[in-house]
């Protein structure tokens, strides 16, 4: 595979993330931006990936049906663990959203980071998306971690890191995020795996290459 200029890649990541935000005017945002052909592997099974997509869609639909457009809820599911970020007008609404999402099929855990505040503006959300793009670009530049192993979400300056990673990978990603301009706080929502589990998840070398 030919190497892409890191600077160009960083610009593409930030631009793609910003474009996704500017085109999304609905009060509920589903999932994080995927880096298209740059993503070679995913540490979730294909079944878990499909379930995560289904969880996000069903949760968004049920929240909209119950609360209408008065909330701004971001739903990110990774390996059946759901992160809720955004704003709701009351504590009762925050609890209701969590109850709704918990009842969705295949949800194993819910991390409720909703704030009882007025909805953020498009400008604020665009700024958060730019920060997410910077964090992803910094991970690519670092070269010592598998960027596709992480899902990055930013809300009001707080960056959330999700993924199935080892403790070493979790600490390294946290270090990168904390040093990224615009990140005010880092919250880790990782599923920690062992180094042995990681080795089993990594693609096996082709037979002809293994003989070299």
N, C-alpha and C. Protein backbone atom coordinates (compact mmCIF):
# COMPACT_ATOMS: atom_id res chain seq x y z
N UNK A 1 0.85 -1.20 0.00
CA UNK A 1 0.00 0.00 0.00
C UNK A 1 0.88 1.24 0.00
N UNK A 2 0.58 2.20 -0.85
CA UNK A 2 1.34 3.43 -0.88
C UNK A 2 0.98 4.28 0.31
N UNK A 3 2.00 4.95 0.88
CA UNK A 3 1.76 5.80 2.03
C UNK A 3 1.24 7.14 1.57
N UNK A 4 0.20 7.62 2.25
CA UNK A 4 -0.39 8.92 1.95
C UNK A 4 0.28 9.97 2.81
N UNK A 5 0.52 11.14 2.29
CA UNK A 5 1.10 12.24 3.06
C UNK A 5 0.32 12.45 4.34
N UNK A 6 1.02 12.47 5.48
CA UNK A 6 0.35 12.64 6.76
C UNK A 6 -0.41 13.95 6.81
N UNK A 7 0.18 15.00 6.26
CA UNK A 7 -0.49 16.31 6.29
C UNK A 7 -1.78 16.27 5.50
N UNK A 8 -1.72 15.63 4.30
CA UNK A 8 -2.92 15.52 3.46
C UNK A 8 -3.97 14.69 4.15
N UNK A 9 -3.53 13.59 4.79
CA UNK A 9 -4.47 12.72 5.48
C UNK A 9 -5.15 13.44 6.62
N UNK A 10 -4.38 14.22 7.36
CA UNK A 10 -4.96 14.98 8.46
C UNK A 10 -6.02 15.94 7.96
N UNK A 11 -5.72 16.63 6.86
CA UNK A 11 -6.68 17.57 6.29
C UNK A 11 -7.94 16.87 5.84
N UNK A 12 -7.78 15.69 5.25
CA UNK A 12 -8.95 14.94 4.78
C UNK A 12 -9.83 14.51 5.94
N UNK A 13 -9.19 14.04 7.03
CA UNK A 13 -9.96 13.61 8.19
C UNK A 13 -10.76 14.74 8.78
N UNK A 14 -10.11 15.90 8.95
CA UNK A 14 -10.80 17.04 9.53
C UNK A 14 -11.91 17.52 8.61
N UNK A 15 -11.62 17.57 7.31
CA UNK A 15 -12.62 18.04 6.35
C UNK A 15 -13.82 17.12 6.30
N UNK A 16 -13.56 15.81 6.31
CA UNK A 16 -14.66 14.85 6.28
C UNK A 16 -15.53 14.96 7.51
N UNK A 17 -14.89 15.13 8.66
CA UNK A 17 -15.66 15.24 9.90
C UNK A 17 -16.51 16.49 9.91
N UNK A 18 -15.95 17.61 9.46
CA UNK A 18 -16.70 18.85 9.43
C UNK A 18 -17.87 18.76 8.48
N UNK A 19 -17.64 18.13 7.32
CA UNK A 19 -18.72 17.99 6.35
C UNK A 19 -19.86 17.17 6.90
N UNK A 20 -19.52 16.14 7.67
CA UNK A 20 -20.57 15.30 8.27
C UNK A 20 -21.41 16.09 9.23
N UNK A 21 -20.80 16.97 10.02
CA UNK A 21 -21.55 17.76 10.98
C UNK A 21 -22.43 18.79 10.29
N UNK A 22 -21.89 19.48 9.32
CA UNK A 22 -22.66 20.54 8.67
C UNK A 22 -23.86 20.00 7.91
N UNK A 23 -23.77 18.73 7.49
CA UNK A 23 -24.89 18.16 6.74
C UNK A 23 -25.91 17.51 7.65
N UNK A 24 -25.62 17.41 8.95
CA UNK A 24 -26.54 16.74 9.87
C UNK A 24 -27.26 17.76 10.73
N UNK A 25 -28.50 18.05 10.39
CA UNK A 25 -29.27 19.04 11.11
C UNK A 25 -30.26 18.42 12.08
N UNK A 26 -30.41 17.10 12.04
CA UNK A 26 -31.34 16.44 12.94
C UNK A 26 -30.85 16.54 14.37
N UNK A 27 -31.78 16.57 15.34
CA UNK A 27 -31.37 16.72 16.74
C UNK A 27 -30.68 15.49 17.31
N UNK A 28 -30.80 14.33 16.66
CA UNK A 28 -30.14 13.13 17.13
C UNK A 28 -29.07 12.74 16.12
N UNK A 29 -27.85 12.56 16.58
CA UNK A 29 -26.74 12.19 15.71
C UNK A 29 -26.36 10.76 16.00
N UNK A 30 -26.22 9.95 14.95
CA UNK A 30 -25.99 8.52 15.14
C UNK A 30 -24.57 8.17 14.74
N UNK A 31 -23.83 7.58 15.69
CA UNK A 31 -22.53 7.02 15.36
C UNK A 31 -21.45 8.03 15.07
N UNK A 32 -20.25 7.55 14.81
CA UNK A 32 -19.12 8.40 14.49
C UNK A 32 -18.72 8.24 13.04
N UNK A 33 -17.92 9.16 12.52
CA UNK A 33 -17.48 9.10 11.14
C UNK A 33 -16.53 7.93 10.95
N UNK A 34 -16.70 7.17 9.86
CA UNK A 34 -15.82 6.05 9.56
C UNK A 34 -14.87 6.47 8.45
N UNK A 35 -13.59 6.07 8.53
CA UNK A 35 -12.59 6.57 7.61
C UNK A 35 -12.51 5.77 6.32
N UNK A 36 -13.65 5.31 5.83
CA UNK A 36 -13.73 4.69 4.52
C UNK A 36 -12.67 3.65 4.27
N UNK A 37 -11.95 3.80 3.14
CA UNK A 37 -10.96 2.81 2.75
C UNK A 37 -9.75 2.78 3.66
N UNK A 38 -9.59 3.79 4.52
CA UNK A 38 -8.46 3.80 5.44
C UNK A 38 -8.61 2.76 6.54
N UNK A 39 -9.85 2.30 6.76
CA UNK A 39 -10.09 1.31 7.81
C UNK A 39 -9.86 -0.08 7.24
N UNK A 40 -8.84 -0.76 7.73
CA UNK A 40 -8.51 -2.07 7.20
C UNK A 40 -9.20 -3.17 7.98
N UNK A 41 -9.27 -3.04 9.28
CA UNK A 41 -9.87 -4.08 10.12
C UNK A 41 -10.69 -3.44 11.22
N UNK A 42 -11.51 -4.26 11.86
CA UNK A 42 -12.31 -3.82 12.99
C UNK A 42 -12.23 -4.91 14.04
N UNK A 43 -12.00 -4.54 15.29
CA UNK A 43 -11.83 -5.53 16.34
C UNK A 43 -13.14 -6.13 16.83
N UNK A 44 -14.24 -5.61 16.33
CA UNK A 44 -15.53 -6.22 16.62
C UNK A 44 -15.82 -7.30 15.58
N UNK A 45 -16.61 -8.27 15.95
CA UNK A 45 -17.06 -9.24 14.95
C UNK A 45 -18.01 -8.54 13.98
N UNK A 46 -18.24 -9.15 12.84
CA UNK A 46 -19.17 -8.57 11.88
C UNK A 46 -20.57 -8.49 12.48
N UNK A 47 -20.90 -9.48 13.30
CA UNK A 47 -22.21 -9.46 13.96
C UNK A 47 -22.34 -8.30 14.93
N UNK A 48 -21.28 -8.03 15.69
CA UNK A 48 -21.30 -6.92 16.64
C UNK A 48 -21.38 -5.58 15.91
N UNK A 49 -20.69 -5.46 14.78
CA UNK A 49 -20.76 -4.22 14.00
C UNK A 49 -22.18 -3.96 13.54
N UNK A 50 -22.84 -5.00 13.03
CA UNK A 50 -24.22 -4.86 12.57
C UNK A 50 -25.14 -4.51 13.73
N UNK A 51 -24.93 -5.16 14.87
CA UNK A 51 -25.76 -4.88 16.04
C UNK A 51 -25.56 -3.45 16.52
N UNK A 52 -24.32 -2.95 16.47
CA UNK A 52 -24.07 -1.57 16.89
C UNK A 52 -24.83 -0.58 16.01
N UNK A 53 -24.82 -0.83 14.71
CA UNK A 53 -25.56 0.04 13.80
C UNK A 53 -27.06 -0.01 14.08
N UNK A 54 -27.55 -1.22 14.32
CA UNK A 54 -28.97 -1.38 14.61
C UNK A 54 -29.35 -0.72 15.93
N UNK A 55 -28.50 -0.86 16.93
CA UNK A 55 -28.74 -0.23 18.23
C UNK A 55 -28.85 1.28 18.06
N UNK A 56 -27.94 1.87 17.33
CA UNK A 56 -27.95 3.33 17.14
C UNK A 56 -29.22 3.79 16.44
N UNK A 57 -29.63 3.06 15.41
CA UNK A 57 -30.83 3.44 14.66
C UNK A 57 -32.10 3.29 15.50
N UNK A 58 -32.21 2.17 16.19
CA UNK A 58 -33.42 1.93 17.01
C UNK A 58 -33.49 2.91 18.18
N UNK A 59 -32.36 3.14 18.82
CA UNK A 59 -32.34 4.07 19.95
C UNK A 59 -32.72 5.47 19.51
N UNK A 60 -32.17 5.91 18.38
CA UNK A 60 -32.49 7.24 17.87
C UNK A 60 -33.97 7.39 17.56
N UNK A 61 -34.54 6.35 16.95
CA UNK A 61 -35.96 6.39 16.60
C UNK A 61 -36.84 6.45 17.84
N UNK A 62 -36.51 5.66 18.84
CA UNK A 62 -37.33 5.63 20.06
C UNK A 62 -37.19 6.92 20.87
N UNK A 63 -36.00 7.48 20.90
CA UNK A 63 -35.83 8.75 21.61
C UNK A 63 -36.62 9.85 20.92
N UNK A 64 -36.57 9.85 19.61
CA UNK A 64 -37.33 10.86 18.84
C UNK A 64 -38.83 10.70 19.06
N UNK A 65 -39.29 9.46 19.10
CA UNK A 65 -40.71 9.21 19.30
C UNK A 65 -41.18 9.68 20.68
N UNK A 66 -40.31 9.55 21.68
CA UNK A 66 -40.69 9.87 23.05
C UNK A 66 -40.41 11.31 23.46
N UNK A 67 -39.37 11.91 22.91
CA UNK A 67 -38.98 13.24 23.35
C UNK A 67 -39.03 14.30 22.25
N UNK A 68 -39.32 13.89 21.04
CA UNK A 68 -39.42 14.85 19.95
C UNK A 68 -38.08 15.51 19.66
N UNK A 69 -38.11 16.81 19.37
CA UNK A 69 -36.90 17.53 18.98
C UNK A 69 -36.37 18.42 20.09
N UNK A 70 -36.85 18.23 21.31
CA UNK A 70 -36.41 19.13 22.38
C UNK A 70 -35.05 18.75 22.97
N UNK A 71 -34.51 17.60 22.52
CA UNK A 71 -33.21 17.17 23.02
C UNK A 71 -32.20 17.11 21.88
N UNK A 72 -30.93 17.10 22.26
CA UNK A 72 -29.84 16.87 21.30
C UNK A 72 -29.04 15.71 21.86
N UNK A 73 -29.27 14.52 21.30
CA UNK A 73 -28.67 13.30 21.84
C UNK A 73 -27.80 12.65 20.77
N UNK A 74 -26.54 12.41 21.12
CA UNK A 74 -25.63 11.67 20.25
C UNK A 74 -25.54 10.24 20.76
N UNK A 75 -25.71 9.27 19.86
CA UNK A 75 -25.71 7.85 20.24
C UNK A 75 -24.55 7.16 19.54
N UNK A 76 -23.63 6.63 20.31
CA UNK A 76 -22.51 5.87 19.76
C UNK A 76 -22.43 4.52 20.45
N UNK A 77 -22.56 3.46 19.65
CA UNK A 77 -22.49 2.11 20.18
C UNK A 77 -21.23 1.43 19.68
N UNK A 78 -20.47 0.83 20.59
CA UNK A 78 -19.27 0.09 20.21
C UNK A 78 -19.25 -1.23 20.98
N UNK A 79 -19.36 -2.31 20.24
CA UNK A 79 -19.41 -3.65 20.82
C UNK A 79 -20.53 -3.75 21.86
N UNK A 80 -21.66 -3.15 21.51
CA UNK A 80 -22.91 -3.20 22.28
C UNK A 80 -22.88 -2.35 23.55
N UNK A 81 -21.86 -1.54 23.69
CA UNK A 81 -21.80 -0.57 24.80
C UNK A 81 -22.14 0.80 24.22
N UNK A 82 -23.12 1.47 24.80
CA UNK A 82 -23.64 2.70 24.22
C UNK A 82 -23.19 3.92 25.04
N UNK A 83 -22.64 4.89 24.32
CA UNK A 83 -22.27 6.18 24.92
C UNK A 83 -23.30 7.21 24.51
N UNK A 84 -23.89 7.89 25.49
CA UNK A 84 -24.85 8.96 25.23
C UNK A 84 -24.21 10.30 25.58
N UNK A 85 -24.17 11.20 24.61
CA UNK A 85 -23.67 12.55 24.85
C UNK A 85 -24.66 13.55 24.26
N UNK A 86 -24.53 14.80 24.66
CA UNK A 86 -25.43 15.82 24.16
C UNK A 86 -26.12 16.54 25.31
N UNK A 87 -27.28 17.12 25.01
CA UNK A 87 -27.97 17.93 26.02
C UNK A 87 -29.46 17.58 26.07
N UNK A 88 -29.99 17.62 27.28
CA UNK A 88 -31.43 17.43 27.50
C UNK A 88 -31.90 18.52 28.46
N UNK A 89 -33.18 18.91 28.41
CA UNK A 89 -33.66 20.02 29.23
C UNK A 89 -33.84 19.72 30.71
N UNK A 90 -33.91 18.45 31.11
CA UNK A 90 -34.16 18.15 32.53
C UNK A 90 -33.52 16.82 32.93
N UNK A 91 -33.36 16.63 34.23
CA UNK A 91 -32.82 15.38 34.75
C UNK A 91 -33.75 14.22 34.42
N UNK A 92 -35.06 14.49 34.43
CA UNK A 92 -36.04 13.44 34.09
C UNK A 92 -35.83 12.97 32.65
N UNK A 93 -35.57 13.91 31.76
CA UNK A 93 -35.32 13.54 30.36
C UNK A 93 -34.04 12.72 30.24
N UNK A 94 -33.03 13.09 31.00
CA UNK A 94 -31.76 12.34 30.98
C UNK A 94 -32.00 10.90 31.40
N UNK A 95 -32.77 10.72 32.45
CA UNK A 95 -33.06 9.37 32.93
C UNK A 95 -33.93 8.60 31.95
N UNK A 96 -34.88 9.31 31.33
CA UNK A 96 -35.77 8.67 30.36
C UNK A 96 -34.98 8.17 29.15
N UNK A 97 -34.06 9.00 28.66
CA UNK A 97 -33.24 8.59 27.51
C UNK A 97 -32.47 7.32 27.85
N UNK A 98 -31.87 7.28 29.02
CA UNK A 98 -31.10 6.10 29.41
C UNK A 98 -32.01 4.87 29.48
N UNK A 99 -33.21 5.02 30.04
CA UNK A 99 -34.14 3.89 30.13
C UNK A 99 -34.52 3.39 28.75
N UNK A 100 -34.76 4.32 27.83
CA UNK A 100 -35.14 3.95 26.46
C UNK A 100 -34.04 3.15 25.80
N UNK A 101 -32.81 3.63 25.92
CA UNK A 101 -31.67 2.98 25.26
C UNK A 101 -31.38 1.63 25.90
N UNK A 102 -31.50 1.53 27.21
CA UNK A 102 -31.24 0.27 27.91
C UNK A 102 -32.17 -0.83 27.42
N UNK A 103 -33.38 -0.47 27.02
CA UNK A 103 -34.38 -1.46 26.59
C UNK A 103 -34.18 -1.91 25.13
N UNK A 104 -33.29 -1.27 24.41
CA UNK A 104 -33.05 -1.67 23.01
C UNK A 104 -32.35 -3.03 23.00
N UNK A 105 -32.76 -3.89 22.10
CA UNK A 105 -32.19 -5.24 22.01
C UNK A 105 -30.67 -5.19 21.84
N UNK A 106 -29.98 -6.08 22.55
CA UNK A 106 -28.54 -6.31 22.46
C UNK A 106 -27.66 -5.27 23.15
N UNK A 107 -28.27 -4.25 23.76
CA UNK A 107 -27.48 -3.27 24.52
C UNK A 107 -26.99 -3.93 25.81
N UNK A 108 -25.69 -3.91 26.01
CA UNK A 108 -25.11 -4.53 27.20
C UNK A 108 -24.81 -3.53 28.31
N UNK A 109 -24.53 -2.28 27.94
CA UNK A 109 -24.23 -1.26 28.94
C UNK A 109 -24.48 0.11 28.34
N UNK A 110 -24.81 1.07 29.20
CA UNK A 110 -25.05 2.45 28.77
C UNK A 110 -24.21 3.38 29.63
N UNK A 111 -23.43 4.23 28.97
CA UNK A 111 -22.66 5.27 29.66
C UNK A 111 -23.37 6.60 29.37
N UNK A 112 -24.03 7.14 30.37
CA UNK A 112 -24.87 8.32 30.18
C UNK A 112 -24.11 9.59 30.53
N UNK A 113 -23.63 10.29 29.50
CA UNK A 113 -22.88 11.54 29.67
C UNK A 113 -23.71 12.75 29.22
N UNK A 114 -25.03 12.59 29.17
CA UNK A 114 -25.90 13.70 28.79
C UNK A 114 -25.83 14.81 29.83
N UNK A 115 -25.84 16.05 29.36
CA UNK A 115 -25.82 17.20 30.25
C UNK A 115 -27.18 17.86 30.28
N UNK A 116 -27.59 18.34 31.43
CA UNK A 116 -28.86 19.06 31.56
C UNK A 116 -28.56 20.53 31.23
N UNK A 117 -28.67 20.82 29.95
CA UNK A 117 -28.34 22.15 29.42
C UNK A 117 -29.19 22.43 28.20
N UNK A 118 -29.13 23.68 27.73
CA UNK A 118 -29.75 23.99 26.45
C UNK A 118 -28.94 23.38 25.32
N UNK A 119 -29.58 23.11 24.19
CA UNK A 119 -28.89 22.50 23.07
C UNK A 119 -27.75 23.37 22.57
N UNK A 120 -26.64 22.74 22.21
CA UNK A 120 -25.52 23.47 21.65
C UNK A 120 -25.86 23.98 20.25
N UNK A 121 -25.13 24.98 19.81
CA UNK A 121 -25.36 25.56 18.49
C UNK A 121 -24.61 24.78 17.42
N UNK A 122 -24.93 25.04 16.17
CA UNK A 122 -24.23 24.39 15.06
C UNK A 122 -22.76 24.77 15.08
N UNK A 123 -22.45 26.00 15.46
CA UNK A 123 -21.05 26.44 15.54
C UNK A 123 -20.29 25.62 16.58
N UNK A 124 -20.91 25.42 17.74
CA UNK A 124 -20.27 24.62 18.80
C UNK A 124 -20.07 23.18 18.35
N UNK A 125 -21.06 22.62 17.68
CA UNK A 125 -20.95 21.23 17.23
C UNK A 125 -19.88 21.10 16.15
N UNK A 126 -19.78 22.10 15.29
CA UNK A 126 -18.75 22.08 14.26
C UNK A 126 -17.36 22.14 14.88
N UNK A 127 -17.22 22.95 15.94
CA UNK A 127 -15.94 23.04 16.64
C UNK A 127 -15.57 21.69 17.25
N UNK A 128 -16.56 21.01 17.83
CA UNK A 128 -16.31 19.69 18.41
C UNK A 128 -15.88 18.70 17.33
N UNK A 129 -16.51 18.77 16.18
CA UNK A 129 -16.17 17.87 15.09
C UNK A 129 -14.75 18.11 14.60
N UNK A 130 -14.34 19.37 14.56
CA UNK A 130 -12.96 19.68 14.19
C UNK A 130 -11.98 19.09 15.19
N UNK A 131 -12.31 19.16 16.45
CA UNK A 131 -11.45 18.59 17.49
C UNK A 131 -11.34 17.07 17.29
N UNK A 132 -12.47 16.43 17.03
CA UNK A 132 -12.45 14.99 16.77
C UNK A 132 -11.54 14.67 15.59
N UNK A 133 -11.62 15.47 14.54
CA UNK A 133 -10.77 15.27 13.38
C UNK A 133 -9.29 15.42 13.71
N UNK A 134 -8.99 16.40 14.57
CA UNK A 134 -7.60 16.59 14.97
C UNK A 134 -7.07 15.39 15.77
N UNK A 135 -7.91 14.87 16.66
CA UNK A 135 -7.50 13.72 17.46
C UNK A 135 -7.23 12.52 16.55
N UNK A 136 -8.12 12.26 15.61
CA UNK A 136 -7.93 11.14 14.69
C UNK A 136 -6.67 11.33 13.85
N UNK A 137 -6.45 12.55 13.39
CA UNK A 137 -5.25 12.82 12.60
C UNK A 137 -3.99 12.63 13.44
N UNK A 138 -4.03 13.04 14.70
CA UNK A 138 -2.88 12.87 15.59
C UNK A 138 -2.59 11.39 15.83
N UNK A 139 -3.65 10.58 15.90
CA UNK A 139 -3.46 9.14 16.06
C UNK A 139 -2.78 8.54 14.83
N UNK A 140 -3.19 9.00 13.65
CA UNK A 140 -2.57 8.52 12.42
C UNK A 140 -1.10 8.93 12.39
N UNK A 141 -0.82 10.16 12.75
CA UNK A 141 0.56 10.64 12.76
C UNK A 141 1.43 9.88 13.75
N UNK A 142 0.84 9.42 14.84
CA UNK A 142 1.61 8.75 15.88
C UNK A 142 2.23 7.45 15.37
N UNK A 143 1.53 6.72 14.53
CA UNK A 143 2.02 5.50 13.88
C UNK A 143 2.26 4.31 14.83
N UNK A 144 2.17 4.51 16.12
CA UNK A 144 2.43 3.40 17.04
C UNK A 144 1.15 2.82 17.63
N UNK A 145 -0.01 3.20 17.10
CA UNK A 145 -1.28 2.62 17.51
C UNK A 145 -2.12 2.33 16.26
N UNK A 146 -3.09 1.44 16.41
CA UNK A 146 -3.99 1.12 15.31
C UNK A 146 -5.17 2.10 15.37
N UNK A 147 -5.17 3.09 14.50
CA UNK A 147 -6.18 4.14 14.56
C UNK A 147 -7.59 3.60 14.44
N UNK A 148 -7.77 2.56 13.61
CA UNK A 148 -9.12 2.02 13.39
C UNK A 148 -9.67 1.27 14.59
N UNK A 149 -8.85 1.10 15.63
CA UNK A 149 -9.33 0.42 16.83
C UNK A 149 -10.11 1.35 17.75
N UNK A 150 -10.13 2.64 17.42
CA UNK A 150 -10.75 3.63 18.30
C UNK A 150 -11.93 4.31 17.63
N UNK A 151 -12.91 4.65 18.45
CA UNK A 151 -13.98 5.56 18.04
C UNK A 151 -13.82 6.81 18.89
N UNK A 152 -13.82 7.97 18.24
CA UNK A 152 -13.58 9.24 18.92
C UNK A 152 -14.82 10.11 18.81
N UNK A 153 -15.27 10.63 19.94
CA UNK A 153 -16.46 11.51 19.99
C UNK A 153 -16.09 12.73 20.83
N UNK A 154 -16.45 13.91 20.37
CA UNK A 154 -16.20 15.12 21.15
C UNK A 154 -17.50 15.87 21.38
N UNK A 155 -17.73 16.28 22.61
CA UNK A 155 -18.94 17.01 22.99
C UNK A 155 -18.55 18.13 23.95
N UNK A 156 -18.79 19.38 23.52
CA UNK A 156 -18.50 20.56 24.33
C UNK A 156 -17.06 20.53 24.86
N UNK A 157 -16.12 20.15 24.00
CA UNK A 157 -14.71 20.17 24.36
C UNK A 157 -14.21 18.93 25.07
N UNK A 158 -15.12 18.04 25.46
CA UNK A 158 -14.72 16.78 26.09
C UNK A 158 -14.64 15.69 25.03
N UNK A 159 -13.50 15.03 24.96
CA UNK A 159 -13.31 13.98 23.97
C UNK A 159 -13.45 12.61 24.63
N UNK A 160 -14.32 11.79 24.06
CA UNK A 160 -14.57 10.44 24.56
C UNK A 160 -13.88 9.44 23.63
N UNK A 161 -13.19 8.48 24.22
CA UNK A 161 -12.48 7.46 23.46
C UNK A 161 -13.12 6.10 23.72
N UNK A 162 -13.51 5.42 22.65
CA UNK A 162 -14.12 4.10 22.75
C UNK A 162 -13.29 3.10 21.96
N UNK A 163 -13.45 1.81 22.26
CA UNK A 163 -12.77 0.78 21.50
C UNK A 163 -12.39 -0.41 22.35
N UNK A 164 -11.98 -1.48 21.69
CA UNK A 164 -11.45 -2.68 22.35
C UNK A 164 -9.93 -2.60 22.26
N UNK A 165 -9.30 -2.22 23.34
CA UNK A 165 -7.86 -1.95 23.31
C UNK A 165 -7.18 -2.49 24.56
N UNK A 166 -5.87 -2.65 24.48
CA UNK A 166 -5.11 -3.05 25.65
C UNK A 166 -4.88 -1.83 26.54
N UNK A 167 -4.41 -2.08 27.76
CA UNK A 167 -4.12 -0.96 28.66
C UNK A 167 -3.06 -0.05 28.06
N UNK A 168 -2.08 -0.65 27.41
CA UNK A 168 -1.03 0.14 26.75
C UNK A 168 -1.62 1.05 25.67
N UNK A 169 -2.52 0.49 24.86
CA UNK A 169 -3.13 1.27 23.79
C UNK A 169 -4.03 2.36 24.36
N UNK A 170 -4.74 2.03 25.44
CA UNK A 170 -5.62 3.01 26.07
C UNK A 170 -4.83 4.21 26.59
N UNK A 171 -3.71 3.93 27.24
CA UNK A 171 -2.88 5.00 27.79
C UNK A 171 -2.27 5.86 26.69
N UNK A 172 -1.83 5.21 25.62
CA UNK A 172 -1.21 5.95 24.51
C UNK A 172 -2.23 6.85 23.82
N UNK A 173 -3.43 6.33 23.56
CA UNK A 173 -4.48 7.12 22.91
C UNK A 173 -4.89 8.30 23.78
N UNK A 174 -4.94 8.06 25.09
CA UNK A 174 -5.30 9.14 26.02
C UNK A 174 -4.24 10.24 25.99
N UNK A 175 -2.99 9.84 25.95
CA UNK A 175 -1.89 10.81 25.88
C UNK A 175 -1.99 11.66 24.62
N UNK A 176 -2.29 11.01 23.50
CA UNK A 176 -2.42 11.73 22.22
C UNK A 176 -3.59 12.70 22.28
N UNK A 177 -4.73 12.24 22.77
CA UNK A 177 -5.92 13.09 22.82
C UNK A 177 -5.70 14.30 23.72
N UNK A 178 -5.08 14.08 24.87
CA UNK A 178 -4.87 15.18 25.82
C UNK A 178 -3.95 16.26 25.27
N UNK A 179 -3.07 15.88 24.37
CA UNK A 179 -2.13 16.85 23.80
C UNK A 179 -2.65 17.50 22.52
N UNK A 180 -3.88 17.17 22.13
CA UNK A 180 -4.47 17.72 20.90
C UNK A 180 -5.13 19.06 21.19
N UNK A 181 -4.83 20.10 20.40
CA UNK A 181 -5.46 21.41 20.60
C UNK A 181 -6.99 21.33 20.56
N UNK A 182 -7.63 21.97 21.52
CA UNK A 182 -9.09 22.00 21.57
C UNK A 182 -9.69 20.99 22.52
N UNK A 183 -8.91 19.98 22.92
CA UNK A 183 -9.41 18.97 23.86
C UNK A 183 -9.28 19.52 25.28
N UNK A 184 -10.41 19.67 25.95
CA UNK A 184 -10.41 20.18 27.32
C UNK A 184 -10.36 19.07 28.36
N UNK A 185 -10.89 17.91 27.98
CA UNK A 185 -10.96 16.78 28.92
C UNK A 185 -11.08 15.51 28.10
N UNK A 186 -10.53 14.41 28.63
CA UNK A 186 -10.63 13.11 27.96
C UNK A 186 -11.35 12.13 28.88
N UNK A 187 -12.37 11.46 28.34
CA UNK A 187 -13.10 10.43 29.09
C UNK A 187 -12.93 9.11 28.34
N UNK A 188 -12.47 8.09 29.04
CA UNK A 188 -12.21 6.80 28.43
C UNK A 188 -13.40 5.86 28.64
N UNK A 189 -13.91 5.33 27.52
CA UNK A 189 -15.03 4.38 27.58
C UNK A 189 -14.56 3.10 26.89
N UNK A 190 -13.40 2.63 27.29
CA UNK A 190 -12.77 1.49 26.64
C UNK A 190 -13.25 0.16 27.18
N UNK A 191 -13.14 -0.84 26.33
CA UNK A 191 -13.22 -2.24 26.76
C UNK A 191 -11.79 -2.75 26.73
N UNK A 192 -11.20 -2.98 27.90
CA UNK A 192 -9.80 -3.36 27.98
C UNK A 192 -9.63 -4.86 27.72
N UNK A 193 -8.71 -5.19 26.82
CA UNK A 193 -8.40 -6.58 26.49
C UNK A 193 -6.92 -6.83 26.81
N UNK A 194 -6.54 -8.09 26.89
CA UNK A 194 -5.16 -8.43 27.19
C UNK A 194 -4.31 -8.38 25.92
N UNK A 195 -2.99 -8.40 26.11
CA UNK A 195 -2.09 -8.42 24.95
C UNK A 195 -2.27 -9.72 24.16
N UNK A 196 -2.57 -10.82 24.85
CA UNK A 196 -2.81 -12.09 24.16
C UNK A 196 -4.07 -12.00 23.31
N UNK A 197 -5.11 -11.38 23.84
CA UNK A 197 -6.34 -11.21 23.07
C UNK A 197 -6.08 -10.35 21.84
N UNK A 198 -5.26 -9.32 22.00
CA UNK A 198 -4.93 -8.46 20.87
C UNK A 198 -4.22 -9.25 19.78
N UNK A 199 -3.25 -10.08 20.17
CA UNK A 199 -2.54 -10.87 19.17
C UNK A 199 -3.48 -11.77 18.40
N UNK A 200 -4.48 -12.30 19.06
CA UNK A 200 -5.45 -13.17 18.39
C UNK A 200 -6.37 -12.40 17.45
N UNK A 201 -6.53 -11.10 17.72
CA UNK A 201 -7.40 -10.28 16.88
C UNK A 201 -6.70 -9.76 15.63
N UNK A 202 -5.37 -9.66 15.69
CA UNK A 202 -4.62 -9.10 14.57
C UNK A 202 -4.63 -10.05 13.38
N UNK A 203 -4.65 -9.49 12.15
CA UNK A 203 -4.65 -10.35 10.95
C UNK A 203 -3.41 -11.23 10.93
N UNK A 204 -3.60 -12.48 10.55
CA UNK A 204 -2.47 -13.42 10.45
C UNK A 204 -1.73 -13.19 9.13
N UNK A 205 -0.40 -13.27 9.11
CA UNK A 205 0.35 -13.08 7.87
C UNK A 205 0.05 -14.19 6.87
N UNK A 206 0.12 -13.83 5.59
CA UNK A 206 -0.12 -14.82 4.54
C UNK A 206 0.91 -15.94 4.64
N UNK A 207 0.54 -17.13 4.17
CA UNK A 207 1.41 -18.30 4.32
C UNK A 207 2.75 -18.10 3.65
N UNK A 208 2.73 -17.51 2.43
CA UNK A 208 4.00 -17.32 1.71
C UNK A 208 4.90 -16.31 2.37
N UNK A 209 4.30 -15.31 3.06
CA UNK A 209 5.10 -14.31 3.77
C UNK A 209 5.64 -14.88 5.05
N UNK A 210 4.89 -15.77 5.69
CA UNK A 210 5.31 -16.36 6.95
C UNK A 210 6.57 -17.20 6.77
N UNK A 211 6.78 -17.74 5.56
CA UNK A 211 7.94 -18.57 5.30
C UNK A 211 9.20 -17.77 5.08
N UNK A 212 9.06 -16.45 4.79
CA UNK A 212 10.23 -15.63 4.50
C UNK A 212 11.07 -15.42 5.75
